[in-house]
């Protein structure tokens, strides 16, 4: 497809994104997903790590690899990463009730980032947990853990910058699908264990890089 067609697909799909809790989220299993691109191999490695809640112990780790369909294009990351993430998710023996995604949800120029696109495919609540801002601005965030500031773009609140660890930059939390922003912030904090990233996406990031058993302070 052309870039214009991809953007049109996003504009069509965004109308299907649910930005409220359809029903009470009470997950026993929470997943984190991430994608890496091993150097010089020409492949994408998609990983899903399934954790039991509230202990956040690892229940299952699944990996899929494939050649990316398109190169990296800002704003169209989901077309590059969704296929290999979905391939990994299809291998799961148990289905998560909530998925945290290393990427944006509606904090996206067309309000359809990776977390929202993936949520529509999986039909489960998803939350975007990005390391940096794609669009929008926010006021300074307090230093206390749990402090947050709304992320605003063209007058719309599209997410929040959330302080998850003292002395590190906030992460960007946004609605993916079937969850509201307050719940998204709550569940991200519930999944934090002293690191900047919540455990589901932190462990998925490590697994995608082949370093799940390595010690890290990320």
N, C-alpha and C. Protein backbone atom coordinates (compact mmCIF):
# COMPACT_ATOMS: atom_id res chain seq x y z
N UNK A 1 0.84 -1.19 0.00
CA UNK A 1 0.00 0.00 0.00
C UNK A 1 0.88 1.24 0.00
N UNK A 2 0.33 2.34 -0.43
CA UNK A 2 1.06 3.60 -0.40
C UNK A 2 1.00 4.20 1.00
N UNK A 3 1.85 5.20 1.24
CA UNK A 3 1.82 5.87 2.54
C UNK A 3 0.48 6.56 2.76
N UNK A 4 -0.07 7.12 1.71
CA UNK A 4 -1.37 7.79 1.82
C UNK A 4 -2.46 6.78 2.20
N UNK A 5 -2.40 5.58 1.61
CA UNK A 5 -3.38 4.55 1.93
C UNK A 5 -3.23 4.09 3.39
N UNK A 6 -1.99 3.97 3.86
CA UNK A 6 -1.76 3.57 5.25
C UNK A 6 -2.34 4.60 6.21
N UNK A 7 -2.15 5.86 5.89
CA UNK A 7 -2.70 6.92 6.75
C UNK A 7 -4.22 6.91 6.72
N UNK A 8 -4.81 6.62 5.57
CA UNK A 8 -6.26 6.53 5.47
C UNK A 8 -6.79 5.37 6.31
N UNK A 9 -6.07 4.27 6.33
CA UNK A 9 -6.46 3.13 7.16
C UNK A 9 -6.46 3.54 8.63
N UNK A 10 -5.43 4.27 9.05
CA UNK A 10 -5.38 4.74 10.43
C UNK A 10 -6.59 5.62 10.76
N UNK A 11 -6.91 6.53 9.87
CA UNK A 11 -8.04 7.43 10.11
C UNK A 11 -9.36 6.68 10.18
N UNK A 12 -9.44 5.56 9.46
CA UNK A 12 -10.65 4.74 9.51
C UNK A 12 -10.70 3.92 10.80
N UNK A 13 -9.56 3.34 11.18
CA UNK A 13 -9.53 2.49 12.37
C UNK A 13 -9.70 3.27 13.66
N UNK A 14 -9.22 4.52 13.67
CA UNK A 14 -9.25 5.28 14.92
C UNK A 14 -10.68 5.48 15.42
N UNK A 15 -11.65 5.45 14.53
CA UNK A 15 -13.06 5.60 14.95
C UNK A 15 -13.55 4.39 15.74
N UNK A 16 -12.82 3.28 15.66
CA UNK A 16 -13.21 2.06 16.37
C UNK A 16 -12.53 1.92 17.72
N UNK A 17 -11.57 2.79 18.01
CA UNK A 17 -10.86 2.71 19.28
C UNK A 17 -11.78 3.13 20.43
N UNK A 18 -11.82 2.33 21.47
CA UNK A 18 -12.64 2.61 22.66
C UNK A 18 -11.74 3.24 23.71
N UNK A 19 -12.10 4.44 24.17
CA UNK A 19 -11.26 5.17 25.12
C UNK A 19 -11.86 5.18 26.53
N UNK A 20 -12.73 4.23 26.80
CA UNK A 20 -13.30 4.07 28.13
C UNK A 20 -13.21 2.60 28.53
N UNK A 21 -13.31 2.35 29.83
CA UNK A 21 -13.34 0.97 30.30
C UNK A 21 -14.69 0.36 29.94
N UNK A 22 -14.69 -0.65 29.09
CA UNK A 22 -15.96 -1.28 28.73
C UNK A 22 -16.52 -2.07 29.91
N UNK A 23 -15.63 -2.63 30.70
CA UNK A 23 -16.04 -3.35 31.90
C UNK A 23 -14.86 -3.33 32.86
N UNK A 24 -15.10 -3.66 34.11
CA UNK A 24 -14.03 -3.59 35.08
C UNK A 24 -12.85 -4.47 34.70
N UNK A 25 -11.66 -3.88 34.67
CA UNK A 25 -10.45 -4.64 34.34
C UNK A 25 -9.94 -5.30 35.62
N UNK A 26 -9.92 -6.60 35.63
CA UNK A 26 -9.46 -7.35 36.79
C UNK A 26 -8.55 -8.48 36.31
N UNK A 27 -7.36 -8.11 35.83
CA UNK A 27 -6.52 -9.10 35.14
C UNK A 27 -5.79 -10.05 36.07
N UNK A 28 -5.82 -11.31 35.74
CA UNK A 28 -4.96 -12.29 36.40
C UNK A 28 -3.70 -12.50 35.58
N UNK A 29 -3.78 -12.17 34.30
CA UNK A 29 -2.63 -12.29 33.41
C UNK A 29 -2.46 -10.97 32.65
N UNK A 30 -1.26 -10.41 32.72
CA UNK A 30 -0.93 -9.17 32.03
C UNK A 30 0.25 -9.45 31.10
N UNK A 31 0.16 -8.97 29.87
CA UNK A 31 1.23 -9.20 28.89
C UNK A 31 1.97 -7.90 28.59
N UNK A 32 3.22 -8.04 28.24
CA UNK A 32 4.01 -6.94 27.71
C UNK A 32 4.55 -7.34 26.35
N UNK A 33 4.56 -6.42 25.40
CA UNK A 33 5.05 -6.73 24.07
C UNK A 33 6.09 -5.71 23.63
N UNK A 34 7.03 -6.17 22.82
CA UNK A 34 8.06 -5.30 22.27
C UNK A 34 8.63 -5.95 21.02
N UNK A 35 9.33 -5.16 20.23
CA UNK A 35 9.95 -5.64 18.99
C UNK A 35 11.38 -5.14 18.94
N UNK A 36 12.29 -6.00 18.52
CA UNK A 36 13.68 -5.58 18.28
C UNK A 36 14.05 -5.90 16.84
N UNK A 37 15.11 -5.27 16.39
CA UNK A 37 15.59 -5.48 15.02
C UNK A 37 17.08 -5.79 15.09
N UNK A 38 17.41 -7.08 15.28
CA UNK A 38 18.82 -7.46 15.40
C UNK A 38 19.65 -6.92 14.23
N UNK A 39 20.79 -6.35 14.55
CA UNK A 39 21.63 -5.71 13.53
C UNK A 39 22.05 -6.70 12.45
N UNK A 40 22.00 -6.22 11.22
CA UNK A 40 22.51 -6.92 10.04
C UNK A 40 21.76 -8.22 9.72
N UNK A 41 20.64 -8.48 10.40
CA UNK A 41 19.91 -9.72 10.13
C UNK A 41 18.69 -9.49 9.24
N UNK A 42 18.24 -8.25 9.12
CA UNK A 42 17.11 -7.94 8.26
C UNK A 42 15.79 -8.51 8.72
N UNK A 43 15.67 -8.77 10.03
CA UNK A 43 14.43 -9.35 10.56
C UNK A 43 13.93 -8.51 11.73
N UNK A 44 12.66 -8.71 12.04
CA UNK A 44 12.07 -8.14 13.25
C UNK A 44 11.78 -9.29 14.21
N UNK A 45 12.08 -9.08 15.47
CA UNK A 45 11.82 -10.09 16.49
C UNK A 45 10.74 -9.56 17.43
N UNK A 46 9.56 -10.15 17.37
CA UNK A 46 8.46 -9.75 18.24
C UNK A 46 8.37 -10.66 19.45
N UNK A 47 8.15 -10.07 20.61
CA UNK A 47 8.11 -10.84 21.85
C UNK A 47 6.87 -10.47 22.65
N UNK A 48 6.25 -11.47 23.25
CA UNK A 48 5.20 -11.25 24.24
C UNK A 48 5.59 -11.99 25.50
N UNK A 49 5.59 -11.28 26.62
CA UNK A 49 5.88 -11.87 27.93
C UNK A 49 4.59 -11.83 28.74
N UNK A 50 4.15 -12.99 29.19
CA UNK A 50 2.91 -13.09 29.96
C UNK A 50 3.25 -13.24 31.43
N UNK A 51 2.67 -12.34 32.25
CA UNK A 51 2.96 -12.33 33.68
C UNK A 51 1.69 -12.57 34.49
N UNK A 52 1.86 -13.26 35.60
CA UNK A 52 0.75 -13.43 36.53
C UNK A 52 0.64 -12.21 37.42
N UNK A 53 -0.58 -11.73 37.62
CA UNK A 53 -0.81 -10.56 38.48
C UNK A 53 -1.52 -11.02 39.75
N UNK A 54 -1.09 -10.54 40.94
CA UNK A 54 -0.26 -9.36 41.17
C UNK A 54 1.23 -9.63 41.36
N UNK A 55 1.66 -10.89 41.40
CA UNK A 55 3.07 -11.16 41.68
C UNK A 55 3.99 -10.72 40.54
N UNK A 56 3.42 -10.67 39.33
CA UNK A 56 4.19 -10.33 38.12
C UNK A 56 5.32 -11.33 37.87
N UNK A 57 5.02 -12.60 38.16
CA UNK A 57 5.94 -13.67 37.83
C UNK A 57 5.73 -14.08 36.37
N UNK A 58 6.79 -14.52 35.71
CA UNK A 58 6.70 -14.89 34.29
C UNK A 58 5.97 -16.22 34.15
N UNK A 59 4.92 -16.20 33.34
CA UNK A 59 4.13 -17.39 33.05
C UNK A 59 4.55 -17.99 31.71
N UNK A 60 4.81 -17.13 30.75
CA UNK A 60 5.08 -17.61 29.40
C UNK A 60 5.82 -16.52 28.62
N UNK A 61 6.73 -16.93 27.75
CA UNK A 61 7.42 -16.02 26.84
C UNK A 61 7.36 -16.62 25.44
N UNK A 62 6.86 -15.85 24.49
CA UNK A 62 6.78 -16.33 23.11
C UNK A 62 7.47 -15.33 22.18
N UNK A 63 8.12 -15.87 21.16
CA UNK A 63 8.90 -15.06 20.22
C UNK A 63 8.53 -15.44 18.79
N UNK A 64 8.48 -14.44 17.92
CA UNK A 64 8.27 -14.67 16.49
C UNK A 64 9.23 -13.77 15.73
N UNK A 65 9.67 -14.23 14.58
CA UNK A 65 10.57 -13.44 13.75
C UNK A 65 10.05 -13.40 12.32
N UNK A 66 10.23 -12.25 11.67
CA UNK A 66 9.78 -12.09 10.30
C UNK A 66 10.49 -10.89 9.68
N UNK A 67 10.53 -10.85 8.38
CA UNK A 67 11.10 -9.70 7.68
C UNK A 67 10.08 -8.57 7.71
N UNK A 68 10.47 -7.36 8.13
CA UNK A 68 9.51 -6.25 8.18
C UNK A 68 8.94 -5.95 6.80
N UNK A 69 7.64 -5.67 6.78
CA UNK A 69 6.97 -5.40 5.50
C UNK A 69 7.33 -4.02 4.95
N UNK A 70 7.63 -3.07 5.85
CA UNK A 70 7.97 -1.71 5.43
C UNK A 70 9.14 -1.21 6.26
N UNK A 71 9.87 -0.21 5.79
CA UNK A 71 10.92 0.40 6.60
C UNK A 71 10.32 1.24 7.72
N UNK A 72 11.16 1.75 8.59
CA UNK A 72 10.67 2.62 9.65
C UNK A 72 10.21 3.94 9.05
N UNK A 73 8.96 4.29 9.32
CA UNK A 73 8.38 5.56 8.87
C UNK A 73 7.66 6.15 10.07
N UNK A 74 8.08 7.34 10.54
CA UNK A 74 7.42 7.94 11.70
C UNK A 74 5.91 8.02 11.52
N UNK A 75 5.17 7.58 12.54
CA UNK A 75 3.71 7.61 12.50
C UNK A 75 3.08 6.36 11.93
N UNK A 76 3.90 5.49 11.32
CA UNK A 76 3.37 4.26 10.72
C UNK A 76 4.05 3.02 11.32
N UNK A 77 4.53 3.16 12.55
CA UNK A 77 5.25 2.07 13.19
C UNK A 77 4.41 0.80 13.31
N UNK A 78 3.11 0.95 13.53
CA UNK A 78 2.27 -0.23 13.75
C UNK A 78 2.23 -1.14 12.53
N UNK A 79 2.32 -0.58 11.32
CA UNK A 79 2.32 -1.42 10.12
C UNK A 79 3.60 -2.25 10.03
N UNK A 80 4.65 -1.78 10.67
CA UNK A 80 5.94 -2.48 10.66
C UNK A 80 6.02 -3.52 11.78
N UNK A 81 5.40 -3.22 12.94
CA UNK A 81 5.61 -4.07 14.10
C UNK A 81 4.43 -4.97 14.46
N UNK A 82 3.21 -4.58 14.11
CA UNK A 82 2.04 -5.39 14.49
C UNK A 82 2.11 -6.83 14.00
N UNK A 83 2.49 -7.08 12.73
CA UNK A 83 2.46 -8.47 12.26
C UNK A 83 3.30 -9.42 13.10
N UNK A 84 4.51 -9.02 13.46
CA UNK A 84 5.37 -9.94 14.20
C UNK A 84 4.94 -10.05 15.67
N UNK A 85 4.35 -9.00 16.23
CA UNK A 85 3.81 -9.09 17.58
C UNK A 85 2.61 -10.04 17.61
N UNK A 86 1.73 -9.90 16.62
CA UNK A 86 0.57 -10.78 16.56
C UNK A 86 0.99 -12.23 16.37
N UNK A 87 2.04 -12.47 15.59
CA UNK A 87 2.54 -13.83 15.40
C UNK A 87 3.02 -14.43 16.72
N UNK A 88 3.67 -13.61 17.55
CA UNK A 88 4.10 -14.08 18.87
C UNK A 88 2.90 -14.33 19.77
N UNK A 89 1.92 -13.43 19.74
CA UNK A 89 0.73 -13.58 20.59
C UNK A 89 -0.07 -14.83 20.23
N UNK A 90 -0.07 -15.21 18.95
CA UNK A 90 -0.81 -16.40 18.53
C UNK A 90 -0.25 -17.67 19.14
N UNK A 91 0.99 -17.64 19.63
CA UNK A 91 1.62 -18.81 20.22
C UNK A 91 1.27 -18.99 21.70
N UNK A 92 0.65 -17.97 22.30
CA UNK A 92 0.36 -18.04 23.73
C UNK A 92 -0.63 -19.16 24.05
N UNK A 93 -0.38 -19.83 25.15
CA UNK A 93 -1.31 -20.87 25.61
C UNK A 93 -2.47 -20.26 26.39
N UNK A 94 -2.24 -19.10 27.00
CA UNK A 94 -3.28 -18.41 27.77
C UNK A 94 -3.40 -16.98 27.26
N UNK A 95 -4.61 -16.44 27.34
CA UNK A 95 -4.85 -15.09 26.83
C UNK A 95 -4.74 -14.06 27.95
N UNK A 96 -4.00 -12.96 27.73
CA UNK A 96 -3.93 -11.90 28.74
C UNK A 96 -5.23 -11.10 28.79
N UNK A 97 -5.51 -10.52 29.95
CA UNK A 97 -6.67 -9.64 30.10
C UNK A 97 -6.29 -8.18 29.90
N UNK A 98 -4.97 -7.89 29.85
CA UNK A 98 -4.47 -6.54 29.68
C UNK A 98 -3.10 -6.64 29.03
N UNK A 99 -2.83 -5.74 28.08
CA UNK A 99 -1.54 -5.75 27.38
C UNK A 99 -0.91 -4.37 27.46
N UNK A 100 0.34 -4.33 27.94
CA UNK A 100 1.12 -3.10 27.94
C UNK A 100 2.08 -3.15 26.76
N UNK A 101 2.09 -2.08 26.00
CA UNK A 101 2.82 -2.04 24.72
C UNK A 101 3.94 -1.02 24.80
N UNK A 102 5.13 -1.42 24.34
CA UNK A 102 6.25 -0.50 24.25
C UNK A 102 6.05 0.38 23.02
N UNK A 103 5.22 1.40 23.16
CA UNK A 103 4.88 2.29 22.05
C UNK A 103 3.72 3.18 22.43
N UNK A 104 3.29 3.98 21.49
CA UNK A 104 2.20 4.92 21.75
C UNK A 104 0.83 4.27 21.54
N UNK A 105 -0.16 4.83 22.26
CA UNK A 105 -1.55 4.50 21.99
C UNK A 105 -2.14 5.61 21.16
N UNK A 106 -3.03 6.40 21.77
CA UNK A 106 -3.61 7.53 21.04
C UNK A 106 -2.72 8.77 21.08
N UNK A 107 -1.57 8.69 21.75
CA UNK A 107 -0.61 9.80 21.76
C UNK A 107 0.18 9.78 20.45
N UNK A 108 -0.55 10.02 19.39
CA UNK A 108 -0.07 9.81 18.01
C UNK A 108 -0.72 10.87 17.13
N UNK A 109 -0.05 11.35 16.10
CA UNK A 109 -0.64 12.43 15.29
C UNK A 109 -2.03 12.11 14.76
N UNK A 110 -2.30 10.84 14.43
CA UNK A 110 -3.63 10.45 13.94
C UNK A 110 -4.37 9.62 14.99
N UNK A 111 -3.86 9.63 16.22
CA UNK A 111 -4.48 8.98 17.38
C UNK A 111 -4.58 7.46 17.22
N UNK A 112 -3.67 6.88 16.44
CA UNK A 112 -3.68 5.43 16.28
C UNK A 112 -2.24 4.92 16.25
N UNK A 113 -1.63 4.89 17.43
CA UNK A 113 -0.30 4.32 17.54
C UNK A 113 -0.34 2.80 17.67
N UNK A 114 0.82 2.22 17.92
CA UNK A 114 0.95 0.77 17.97
C UNK A 114 0.02 0.13 18.99
N UNK A 115 -0.08 0.72 20.19
CA UNK A 115 -0.92 0.12 21.23
C UNK A 115 -2.39 0.10 20.85
N UNK A 116 -2.86 1.15 20.17
CA UNK A 116 -4.26 1.20 19.74
C UNK A 116 -4.51 0.24 18.59
N UNK A 117 -3.61 0.23 17.61
CA UNK A 117 -3.74 -0.66 16.46
C UNK A 117 -3.75 -2.12 16.93
N UNK A 118 -2.83 -2.45 17.83
CA UNK A 118 -2.74 -3.81 18.34
C UNK A 118 -3.98 -4.17 19.16
N UNK A 119 -4.47 -3.21 19.94
CA UNK A 119 -5.67 -3.47 20.74
C UNK A 119 -6.87 -3.83 19.90
N UNK A 120 -7.00 -3.18 18.74
CA UNK A 120 -8.11 -3.50 17.84
C UNK A 120 -7.99 -4.92 17.31
N UNK A 121 -6.77 -5.35 17.00
CA UNK A 121 -6.56 -6.71 16.52
C UNK A 121 -6.85 -7.74 17.60
N UNK A 122 -6.35 -7.50 18.81
CA UNK A 122 -6.47 -8.47 19.89
C UNK A 122 -7.81 -8.39 20.60
N UNK A 123 -8.49 -7.25 20.49
CA UNK A 123 -9.78 -7.02 21.15
C UNK A 123 -9.66 -7.18 22.66
N UNK A 124 -8.58 -6.63 23.22
CA UNK A 124 -8.39 -6.61 24.67
C UNK A 124 -7.91 -5.23 25.07
N UNK A 125 -8.05 -4.85 26.35
CA UNK A 125 -7.53 -3.56 26.80
C UNK A 125 -6.01 -3.47 26.59
N UNK A 126 -5.56 -2.37 26.00
CA UNK A 126 -4.14 -2.15 25.78
C UNK A 126 -3.76 -0.75 26.26
N UNK A 127 -2.50 -0.62 26.67
CA UNK A 127 -1.98 0.65 27.17
C UNK A 127 -0.65 0.93 26.49
N UNK A 128 -0.49 2.15 26.00
CA UNK A 128 0.79 2.55 25.43
C UNK A 128 1.73 3.02 26.52
N UNK A 129 2.95 2.49 26.54
CA UNK A 129 3.97 2.86 27.52
C UNK A 129 5.24 3.20 26.74
N UNK A 130 5.33 4.44 26.29
CA UNK A 130 6.43 4.85 25.42
C UNK A 130 7.55 5.51 26.22
N UNK A 131 8.75 5.44 25.69
CA UNK A 131 9.91 6.02 26.36
C UNK A 131 10.07 7.50 26.03
N UNK A 132 9.41 7.97 24.96
CA UNK A 132 9.56 9.37 24.57
C UNK A 132 8.27 9.86 23.91
N UNK A 133 8.19 11.16 23.69
CA UNK A 133 7.00 11.80 23.11
C UNK A 133 7.05 11.72 21.59
N UNK A 134 5.92 11.36 20.97
CA UNK A 134 5.79 11.42 19.53
C UNK A 134 5.15 12.73 19.11
N UNK A 135 4.14 13.17 19.86
CA UNK A 135 3.51 14.46 19.61
C UNK A 135 2.92 14.98 20.91
N UNK A 136 2.68 16.28 20.97
CA UNK A 136 2.10 16.89 22.16
C UNK A 136 3.14 17.46 23.11
N UNK A 137 2.67 18.16 24.14
CA UNK A 137 3.52 18.78 25.15
C UNK A 137 2.88 18.59 26.52
N UNK A 138 3.72 18.66 27.56
CA UNK A 138 3.19 18.55 28.92
C UNK A 138 3.94 19.50 29.84
N UNK A 139 3.31 19.84 30.95
CA UNK A 139 3.94 20.65 31.97
C UNK A 139 4.97 19.81 32.73
N UNK A 140 5.86 20.44 33.49
CA UNK A 140 6.84 19.68 34.27
C UNK A 140 6.14 18.67 35.20
N UNK A 141 6.78 17.53 35.36
CA UNK A 141 6.24 16.45 36.20
C UNK A 141 6.94 16.47 37.55
N UNK A 142 6.18 16.36 38.63
CA UNK A 142 6.75 16.32 39.97
C UNK A 142 7.73 15.18 40.14
N UNK A 143 8.64 15.31 41.10
CA UNK A 143 9.67 14.29 41.30
C UNK A 143 9.17 13.07 42.06
N UNK A 144 8.03 13.18 42.71
CA UNK A 144 7.50 12.05 43.48
C UNK A 144 7.00 10.96 42.54
N UNK A 145 7.30 9.72 42.88
CA UNK A 145 6.84 8.58 42.07
C UNK A 145 5.31 8.59 42.01
N UNK A 146 4.77 8.45 40.83
CA UNK A 146 3.33 8.50 40.62
C UNK A 146 2.85 9.85 40.15
N UNK A 147 3.70 10.88 40.22
CA UNK A 147 3.32 12.20 39.70
C UNK A 147 3.17 12.14 38.19
N UNK A 148 2.23 12.89 37.67
CA UNK A 148 2.04 12.89 36.23
C UNK A 148 1.52 14.24 35.77
N UNK A 149 1.68 14.50 34.49
CA UNK A 149 1.18 15.71 33.86
C UNK A 149 0.54 15.33 32.54
N UNK A 150 -0.61 15.94 32.23
CA UNK A 150 -1.32 15.61 31.00
C UNK A 150 -0.49 15.97 29.77
N UNK A 151 -0.54 15.10 28.80
CA UNK A 151 0.08 15.34 27.50
C UNK A 151 -1.00 15.87 26.57
N UNK A 152 -0.80 17.06 26.03
CA UNK A 152 -1.84 17.74 25.25
C UNK A 152 -1.33 18.02 23.84
N UNK A 153 -2.18 17.76 22.86
CA UNK A 153 -1.85 18.03 21.46
C UNK A 153 -3.05 18.66 20.78
N UNK A 154 -2.89 19.87 20.26
CA UNK A 154 -3.98 20.60 19.61
C UNK A 154 -5.23 20.68 20.47
N UNK A 155 -5.03 20.88 21.77
CA UNK A 155 -6.14 21.02 22.69
C UNK A 155 -6.71 19.72 23.22
N UNK A 156 -6.24 18.58 22.72
CA UNK A 156 -6.73 17.28 23.15
C UNK A 156 -5.77 16.65 24.16
N UNK A 157 -6.30 16.10 25.25
CA UNK A 157 -5.48 15.32 26.18
C UNK A 157 -5.30 13.94 25.57
N UNK A 158 -4.07 13.61 25.20
CA UNK A 158 -3.81 12.36 24.50
C UNK A 158 -3.02 11.35 25.34
N UNK A 159 -2.68 11.74 26.55
CA UNK A 159 -1.92 10.84 27.41
C UNK A 159 -1.38 11.60 28.60
N UNK A 160 -0.34 11.05 29.21
CA UNK A 160 0.26 11.69 30.37
C UNK A 160 1.72 11.28 30.48
N UNK A 161 2.53 12.22 30.96
CA UNK A 161 3.91 11.90 31.34
C UNK A 161 3.88 11.45 32.79
N UNK A 162 4.40 10.26 33.06
CA UNK A 162 4.27 9.64 34.38
C UNK A 162 5.65 9.37 34.98
N UNK A 163 5.83 9.83 36.21
CA UNK A 163 7.08 9.58 36.92
C UNK A 163 7.01 8.21 37.58
N UNK A 164 7.82 7.28 37.12
CA UNK A 164 7.81 5.93 37.65
C UNK A 164 9.01 5.63 38.52
N UNK A 165 10.01 6.52 38.45
CA UNK A 165 11.22 6.32 39.25
C UNK A 165 11.90 7.67 39.46
N UNK A 166 12.37 7.91 40.68
CA UNK A 166 13.05 9.16 40.99
C UNK A 166 14.37 9.22 40.23
N UNK A 167 14.65 10.39 39.65
CA UNK A 167 15.92 10.59 38.97
C UNK A 167 15.97 10.13 37.53
N UNK A 168 14.85 9.67 36.99
CA UNK A 168 14.79 9.28 35.58
C UNK A 168 13.68 10.05 34.88
N UNK A 169 13.75 10.08 33.57
CA UNK A 169 12.74 10.79 32.79
C UNK A 169 11.39 10.09 32.90
N UNK A 170 10.29 10.83 32.86
CA UNK A 170 8.97 10.19 32.88
C UNK A 170 8.77 9.33 31.63
N UNK A 171 7.87 8.37 31.72
CA UNK A 171 7.44 7.64 30.53
C UNK A 171 6.13 8.25 30.05
N UNK A 172 5.78 7.96 28.81
CA UNK A 172 4.56 8.50 28.23
C UNK A 172 3.51 7.40 28.19
N UNK A 173 2.45 7.60 28.96
CA UNK A 173 1.36 6.63 29.05
C UNK A 173 0.16 7.15 28.28
N UNK A 174 -0.44 6.30 27.46
CA UNK A 174 -1.63 6.71 26.72
C UNK A 174 -2.60 5.55 26.56
N UNK A 175 -3.84 5.90 26.34
CA UNK A 175 -4.88 4.92 26.05
C UNK A 175 -4.50 4.15 24.80
N UNK A 176 -4.63 2.83 24.89
CA UNK A 176 -4.49 2.02 23.69
C UNK A 176 -5.88 1.70 23.16
N UNK A 177 -6.60 0.87 23.90
CA UNK A 177 -7.95 0.46 23.50
C UNK A 177 -8.64 -0.11 24.73
N UNK A 178 -9.94 0.17 24.87
CA UNK A 178 -10.79 -0.37 25.93
C UNK A 178 -10.31 -0.02 27.34
N UNK A 179 -9.73 1.17 27.51
CA UNK A 179 -9.29 1.62 28.82
C UNK A 179 -9.30 3.14 28.82
N UNK A 180 -9.57 3.75 29.97
CA UNK A 180 -9.47 5.21 30.04
C UNK A 180 -8.11 5.60 30.60
N UNK A 181 -7.80 6.90 30.56
CA UNK A 181 -6.45 7.33 30.94
C UNK A 181 -6.18 7.10 32.42
N UNK A 182 -7.16 7.36 33.28
CA UNK A 182 -6.95 7.15 34.71
C UNK A 182 -6.62 5.68 35.00
N UNK A 183 -7.32 4.78 34.35
CA UNK A 183 -7.05 3.35 34.54
C UNK A 183 -5.70 2.97 33.97
N UNK A 184 -5.35 3.57 32.83
CA UNK A 184 -4.05 3.29 32.23
C UNK A 184 -2.92 3.67 33.18
N UNK A 185 -3.03 4.84 33.79
CA UNK A 185 -2.01 5.28 34.75
C UNK A 185 -1.98 4.36 35.97
N UNK A 186 -3.15 3.96 36.44
CA UNK A 186 -3.22 3.06 37.60
C UNK A 186 -2.52 1.74 37.31
N UNK A 187 -2.82 1.14 36.17
CA UNK A 187 -2.26 -0.18 35.89
C UNK A 187 -0.76 -0.12 35.59
N UNK A 188 -0.31 0.96 34.99
CA UNK A 188 1.13 1.10 34.78
C UNK A 188 1.86 1.16 36.12
N UNK A 189 1.33 1.96 37.06
CA UNK A 189 1.96 2.04 38.37
C UNK A 189 1.88 0.70 39.11
N UNK A 190 0.77 -0.02 38.95
CA UNK A 190 0.64 -1.34 39.57
C UNK A 190 1.70 -2.31 39.07
N UNK A 191 2.17 -2.07 37.86
CA UNK A 191 3.13 -2.98 37.23
C UNK A 191 4.57 -2.53 37.39
N UNK A 192 4.80 -1.42 38.09
CA UNK A 192 6.17 -0.95 38.29
C UNK A 192 6.79 -1.62 39.52
N UNK A 193 8.05 -1.99 39.38
CA UNK A 193 8.76 -2.66 40.47
C UNK A 193 10.13 -2.02 40.70
N UNK A 194 10.16 -0.68 40.74
CA UNK A 194 11.41 0.01 41.05
C UNK A 194 12.23 0.40 39.85
N UNK A 195 11.77 0.08 38.66
CA UNK A 195 12.47 0.46 37.44
C UNK A 195 11.69 1.58 36.73
N UNK A 196 12.32 2.18 35.74
CA UNK A 196 11.62 3.22 34.98
C UNK A 196 10.45 2.62 34.20
N UNK A 197 10.65 1.47 33.60
CA UNK A 197 9.60 0.84 32.80
C UNK A 197 8.80 -0.14 33.64
N UNK A 198 7.50 -0.26 33.37
CA UNK A 198 6.71 -1.29 34.06
C UNK A 198 7.20 -2.68 33.67
N UNK A 199 7.07 -3.63 34.58
CA UNK A 199 7.63 -4.97 34.37
C UNK A 199 7.22 -5.62 33.04
N UNK A 200 5.96 -5.57 32.62
CA UNK A 200 5.62 -6.26 31.36
C UNK A 200 6.43 -5.78 30.16
N UNK A 201 6.55 -4.46 29.98
CA UNK A 201 7.32 -3.98 28.83
C UNK A 201 8.82 -4.04 29.09
N UNK A 202 9.25 -3.90 30.33
CA UNK A 202 10.68 -4.03 30.63
C UNK A 202 11.18 -5.42 30.30
N UNK A 203 10.42 -6.43 30.73
CA UNK A 203 10.83 -7.80 30.46
C UNK A 203 10.70 -8.15 28.98
N UNK A 204 9.68 -7.60 28.31
CA UNK A 204 9.55 -7.82 26.88
C UNK A 204 10.72 -7.19 26.13
N UNK A 205 11.14 -6.02 26.56
CA UNK A 205 12.29 -5.35 25.95
C UNK A 205 13.55 -6.21 26.10
N UNK A 206 13.76 -6.74 27.30
CA UNK A 206 14.91 -7.60 27.52
C UNK A 206 14.85 -8.87 26.68
N UNK A 207 13.67 -9.48 26.64
CA UNK A 207 13.51 -10.72 25.87
C UNK A 207 13.71 -10.47 24.37
N UNK A 208 13.23 -9.34 23.89
CA UNK A 208 13.38 -9.03 22.46
C UNK A 208 14.85 -8.87 22.10
N UNK A 209 15.65 -8.40 23.06
CA UNK A 209 17.08 -8.25 22.82
C UNK A 209 17.88 -9.48 23.19
N UNK A 210 17.19 -10.55 23.61
CA UNK A 210 17.88 -11.78 23.98
C UNK A 210 18.57 -11.69 25.33
N UNK A 211 18.11 -10.75 26.19
CA UNK A 211 18.80 -10.51 27.46
C UNK A 211 17.88 -10.68 28.66
N UNK A 212 16.90 -11.53 28.57
CA UNK A 212 15.91 -11.65 29.64
C UNK A 212 16.54 -12.05 30.96
N UNK A 213 17.61 -12.85 30.91
CA UNK A 213 18.25 -13.32 32.14
C UNK A 213 19.38 -12.41 32.62
N UNK A 214 19.63 -11.34 31.85
CA UNK A 214 20.73 -10.44 32.23
C UNK A 214 20.28 -9.46 33.29
N UNK A 215 21.19 -9.06 34.15
CA UNK A 215 20.88 -8.04 35.15
C UNK A 215 20.86 -6.69 34.48
N UNK A 216 19.86 -5.89 34.78
CA UNK A 216 19.75 -4.57 34.17
C UNK A 216 19.06 -3.62 35.14
N UNK A 217 19.33 -2.36 34.96
CA UNK A 217 18.70 -1.34 35.79
C UNK A 217 17.83 -0.45 34.92
N UNK A 218 17.33 -0.99 33.80
CA UNK A 218 16.60 -0.18 32.82
C UNK A 218 15.17 0.08 33.27
